[in-house]
Amino acid sequence: MKRTAARSHRAWHRLATRLEEGLADMARRPDRGDISITTVIIWVAAVTGALVIAGTIAAVVAKYNGNLAGI
């Protein structure tokens, strides 16, 4: 039981220390790797465009599937 308590105490201490270091790092460098809103907008537009193109291709293939069978 003593070993379990000691391990728990060490783990808790390690976690608290890491949290304090992370908070200190955030205070020192507040802009560390944040994604800009422009990047998010570009990615959303790219994914939306790809989905629209794929949907259009699927609709055209579904519409003309009977005509394409004889080719």
C-alpha atoms as a PDB file:
ATOM      1  CA  MET A   1       0.000   0.000   0.000  1.00  0.00           C
ATOM      2  CA  LYS A   2       2.894   2.355   0.748  1.00  0.00           C
ATOM      3  CA  ARG A   3       4.367   1.821  -2.718  1.00  0.00           C
ATOM      4  CA  THR A   4       1.038   2.650  -4.343  1.00  0.00           C
ATOM      5  CA  ALA A   5       0.740   5.835  -2.326  1.00  0.00           C
ATOM      6  CA  ALA A   6       4.309   6.830  -3.179  1.00  0.00           C
ATOM      7  CA  ARG A   7       3.749   6.172  -6.874  1.00  0.00           C
ATOM      8  CA  SER A   8       0.522   8.148  -6.838  1.00  0.00           C
ATOM      9  CA  HIS A   9       2.251  11.045  -5.092  1.00  0.00           C
ATOM     10  CA  ARG A  10       5.117  11.022  -7.620  1.00  0.00           C
ATOM     11  CA  ALA A  11       2.712  10.869 -10.558  1.00  0.00           C
ATOM     12  CA  TRP A  12       0.638  13.727  -9.154  1.00  0.00           C
ATOM     13  CA  HIS A  13       3.760  15.795  -8.535  1.00  0.00           C
ATOM     14  CA  ARG A  14       5.021  15.111 -12.087  1.00  0.00           C
ATOM     15  CA  LEU A  15       1.647  16.098 -13.540  1.00  0.00           C
ATOM     16  CA  ALA A  16       1.469  19.303 -11.499  1.00  0.00           C
ATOM     17  CA  THR A  17       5.024  20.250 -12.461  1.00  0.00           C
ATOM     18  CA  ARG A  18       4.336  19.657 -16.133  1.00  0.00           C
ATOM     19  CA  LEU A  19       1.151  21.726 -15.958  1.00  0.00           C
ATOM     20  CA  GLU A  20       3.004  24.600 -14.284  1.00  0.00           C
ATOM     21  CA  GLU A  21       5.740  24.453 -16.945  1.00  0.00           C
ATOM     22  CA  GLY A  22       3.136  24.468 -19.707  1.00  0.00           C
ATOM     23  CA  LEU A  23       1.340  27.454 -18.225  1.00  0.00           C
ATOM     24  CA  ALA A  24       4.641  29.317 -17.839  1.00  0.00           C
ATOM     25  CA  ASP A  25       5.499  28.544 -21.471  1.00  0.00           C
ATOM     26  CA  MET A  26       2.088  29.823 -22.606  1.00  0.00           C
ATOM     27  CA  ALA A  27       2.612  33.033 -20.661  1.00  0.00           C
ATOM     28  CA  ARG A  28       6.050  33.470 -22.198  1.00  0.00           C
ATOM     29  CA  ARG A  29       4.961  32.668 -25.791  1.00  0.00           C
ATOM     30  CA  PRO A  30       1.236  33.318 -26.214  1.00  0.00           C
ATOM     31  CA  ASP A  31       1.237  32.820 -29.987  1.00  0.00           C
ATOM     32  CA  ARG A  32       2.878  29.420 -30.093  1.00  0.00           C
ATOM     33  CA  GLY A  33       1.544  27.633 -33.164  1.00  0.00           C
ATOM     34  CA  ASP A  34      -1.970  28.986 -33.283  1.00  0.00           C
ATOM     35  CA  ILE A  35      -3.644  28.423 -36.651  1.00  0.00           C
ATOM     36  CA  SER A  36      -4.730  31.654 -38.260  1.00  0.00           C
ATOM     37  CA  ILE A  37      -8.350  32.099 -39.312  1.00  0.00           C
ATOM     38  CA  THR A  38      -7.193  32.535 -42.914  1.00  0.00           C
ATOM     39  CA  THR A  39      -5.684  29.046 -42.928  1.00  0.00           C
ATOM     40  CA  VAL A  40      -8.911  27.574 -41.579  1.00  0.00           C
ATOM     41  CA  ILE A  41     -10.977  29.385 -44.225  1.00  0.00           C
ATOM     42  CA  ILE A  42      -8.687  28.135 -47.011  1.00  0.00           C
ATOM     43  CA  TRP A  43      -8.870  24.533 -45.773  1.00  0.00           C
ATOM     44  CA  VAL A  44     -12.668  24.641 -45.434  1.00  0.00           C
ATOM     45  CA  ALA A  45     -12.993  26.095 -48.944  1.00  0.00           C
ATOM     46  CA  ALA A  46     -10.666  23.443 -50.399  1.00  0.00           C
ATOM     47  CA  VAL A  47     -12.517  20.559 -48.759  1.00  0.00           C
ATOM     48  CA  THR A  48     -15.897  21.997 -49.746  1.00  0.00           C
ATOM     49  CA  GLY A  49     -14.747  22.431 -53.337  1.00  0.00           C
ATOM     50  CA  ALA A  50     -13.471  18.860 -53.472  1.00  0.00           C
ATOM     51  CA  LEU A  51     -16.781  17.546 -52.120  1.00  0.00           C
ATOM     52  CA  VAL A  52     -18.771  19.603 -54.638  1.00  0.00           C
ATOM     53  CA  ILE A  53     -16.660  18.299 -57.531  1.00  0.00           C
ATOM     54  CA  ALA A  54     -16.966  14.699 -56.325  1.00  0.00           C
ATOM     55  CA  GLY A  55     -20.720  15.095 -55.896  1.00  0.00           C
ATOM     56  CA  THR A  56     -21.078  16.555 -59.384  1.00  0.00           C
ATOM     57  CA  ILE A  57     -19.114  13.691 -60.909  1.00  0.00           C
ATOM     58  CA  ALA A  58     -21.229  11.155 -59.003  1.00  0.00           C
ATOM     59  CA  ALA A  59     -24.467  12.842 -60.149  1.00  0.00           C
ATOM     60  CA  VAL A  60     -23.368  12.900 -63.789  1.00  0.00           C
ATOM     61  CA  VAL A  61     -22.296   9.255 -63.689  1.00  0.00           C
ATOM     62  CA  ALA A  62     -25.587   8.258 -62.035  1.00  0.00           C
ATOM     63  CA  LYS A  63     -27.608  10.207 -64.600  1.00  0.00           C
ATOM     64  CA  TYR A  64     -25.849   8.818 -67.647  1.00  0.00           C
ATOM     65  CA  ASN A  65     -25.085   5.365 -66.285  1.00  0.00           C
ATOM     66  CA  GLY A  66     -27.327   3.636 -68.831  1.00  0.00           C
ATOM     67  CA  ASN A  67     -25.740   5.485 -71.740  1.00  0.00           C
ATOM     68  CA  LEU A  68     -22.227   4.728 -70.515  1.00  0.00           C
ATOM     69  CA  ALA A  69     -22.882   1.002 -70.282  1.00  0.00           C
ATOM     70  CA  GLY A  70     -22.666   0.549 -74.052  1.00  0.00           C
ATOM     71  CA  ILE A  71     -19.300   2.225 -74.459  1.00  0.00           C
END
